[in-house]
Amino acid sequence: MRRARAGFTLLEATVAMTIVGIVGAGALAAFGADLRAADRARQMLPAVALAQDRMAILDLADAHTLRVLPDSMARGSFSRP
């Protein structure tokens, strides 16, 4: 009669560690992608706010104002916010 196994074999432990490593690498990649997306959104927020502000000014302007636009609005070069 064979003796009952009392633990894991080296092969079973190696396979388990490989699976844990693959899952861990996937989780780290997903976390890194989330950080990059959050950073990009943070960088784009001031540009979007400025564009919305300039569009609101144009929406509220009458015909005379649109004929004599300030240089920044006529050429699209704006000072930093």
Protein backbone atom coordinates (compact mmCIF):
# COMPACT_ATOMS: atom_id res chain seq x y z
CA MET A 1 0.00 0.00 0.00
CA ARG A 2 1.10 3.50 -0.77
CA ARG A 3 1.61 6.08 1.86
CA ALA A 4 -0.87 9.02 1.76
CA ARG A 5 0.58 12.28 0.42
CA ALA A 6 1.18 14.84 3.12
CA GLY A 7 1.80 17.99 1.03
CA PHE A 8 2.38 19.53 -2.36
CA THR A 9 4.93 18.30 -4.83
CA LEU A 10 7.50 20.67 -6.27
CA LEU A 11 5.67 20.64 -9.62
CA GLU A 12 2.36 21.63 -8.02
CA ALA A 13 4.01 24.47 -6.12
CA THR A 14 5.73 25.69 -9.30
CA VAL A 15 2.48 25.68 -11.27
CA ALA A 16 0.69 27.54 -8.47
CA MET A 17 3.42 30.19 -8.30
CA THR A 18 3.32 30.61 -12.09
CA ILE A 19 -0.43 31.16 -12.02
CA VAL A 20 -0.10 33.70 -9.18
CA GLY A 21 2.66 35.49 -11.12
CA ILE A 22 0.59 35.71 -14.31
CA VAL A 23 -2.45 37.04 -12.45
CA GLY A 24 -0.26 39.53 -10.56
CA ALA A 25 1.34 40.80 -13.77
CA GLY A 26 -2.09 41.26 -15.32
CA ALA A 27 -3.34 43.17 -12.30
CA LEU A 28 -0.28 45.45 -12.34
CA ALA A 29 -0.74 46.13 -16.06
CA ALA A 30 -4.40 47.06 -15.51
CA PHE A 31 -3.45 49.33 -12.60
CA GLY A 32 -0.79 51.05 -14.71
CA ALA A 33 -3.26 51.61 -17.54
CA ASP A 34 -5.73 53.12 -15.08
CA LEU A 35 -3.06 55.50 -13.75
CA ARG A 36 -2.14 56.60 -17.29
CA ALA A 37 -5.80 57.23 -18.15
CA ALA A 38 -6.33 59.26 -14.97
CA ASP A 39 -3.22 61.35 -15.68
CA ARG A 40 -4.33 62.02 -19.25
CA ALA A 41 -7.79 63.08 -18.04
CA ARG A 42 -6.18 65.39 -15.47
CA GLN A 43 -4.05 66.99 -18.19
CA MET A 44 -7.00 67.43 -20.57
CA LEU A 45 -9.35 69.02 -18.03
CA PRO A 46 -7.94 72.60 -18.25
CA ALA A 47 -7.93 72.47 -22.07
CA VAL A 48 -11.55 71.33 -22.17
CA ALA A 49 -12.60 74.03 -19.68
CA LEU A 50 -10.83 76.73 -21.71
CA ALA A 51 -12.41 75.53 -24.95
CA GLN A 52 -15.87 75.50 -23.35
CA ASP A 53 -15.28 79.01 -22.00
CA ARG A 54 -14.27 80.35 -25.42
CA MET A 55 -17.25 78.65 -27.10
CA ALA A 56 -19.61 80.18 -24.51
CA ILE A 57 -18.18 83.63 -25.29
CA LEU A 58 -18.81 83.08 -28.99
CA ASP A 59 -22.34 81.81 -28.33
CA LEU A 60 -23.20 84.97 -26.38
CA ALA A 61 -21.59 87.39 -28.84
CA ASP A 62 -23.73 89.46 -31.19
CA ALA A 63 -22.98 90.03 -34.89
CA HIS A 64 -20.99 93.24 -34.32
CA THR A 65 -18.78 91.60 -31.72
CA LEU A 66 -18.11 88.68 -34.03
CA ARG A 67 -16.88 91.07 -36.76
CA VAL A 68 -14.27 92.59 -34.45
CA LEU A 69 -13.03 89.59 -32.51
CA PRO A 70 -10.04 90.02 -30.24
CA ASP A 71 -6.82 88.75 -31.78
CA SER A 72 -6.76 85.70 -29.50
CA MET A 73 -10.18 84.55 -30.71
CA ALA A 74 -9.63 85.46 -34.36
CA ARG A 75 -6.35 83.55 -34.64
CA GLY A 76 -6.87 80.90 -32.00
CA SER A 77 -3.80 81.80 -29.93
CA PHE A 78 -4.65 82.10 -26.27
CA SER A 79 -2.65 83.05 -23.22
CA ARG A 80 -2.05 80.34 -20.67
CA PRO A 81 -4.88 80.05 -18.10
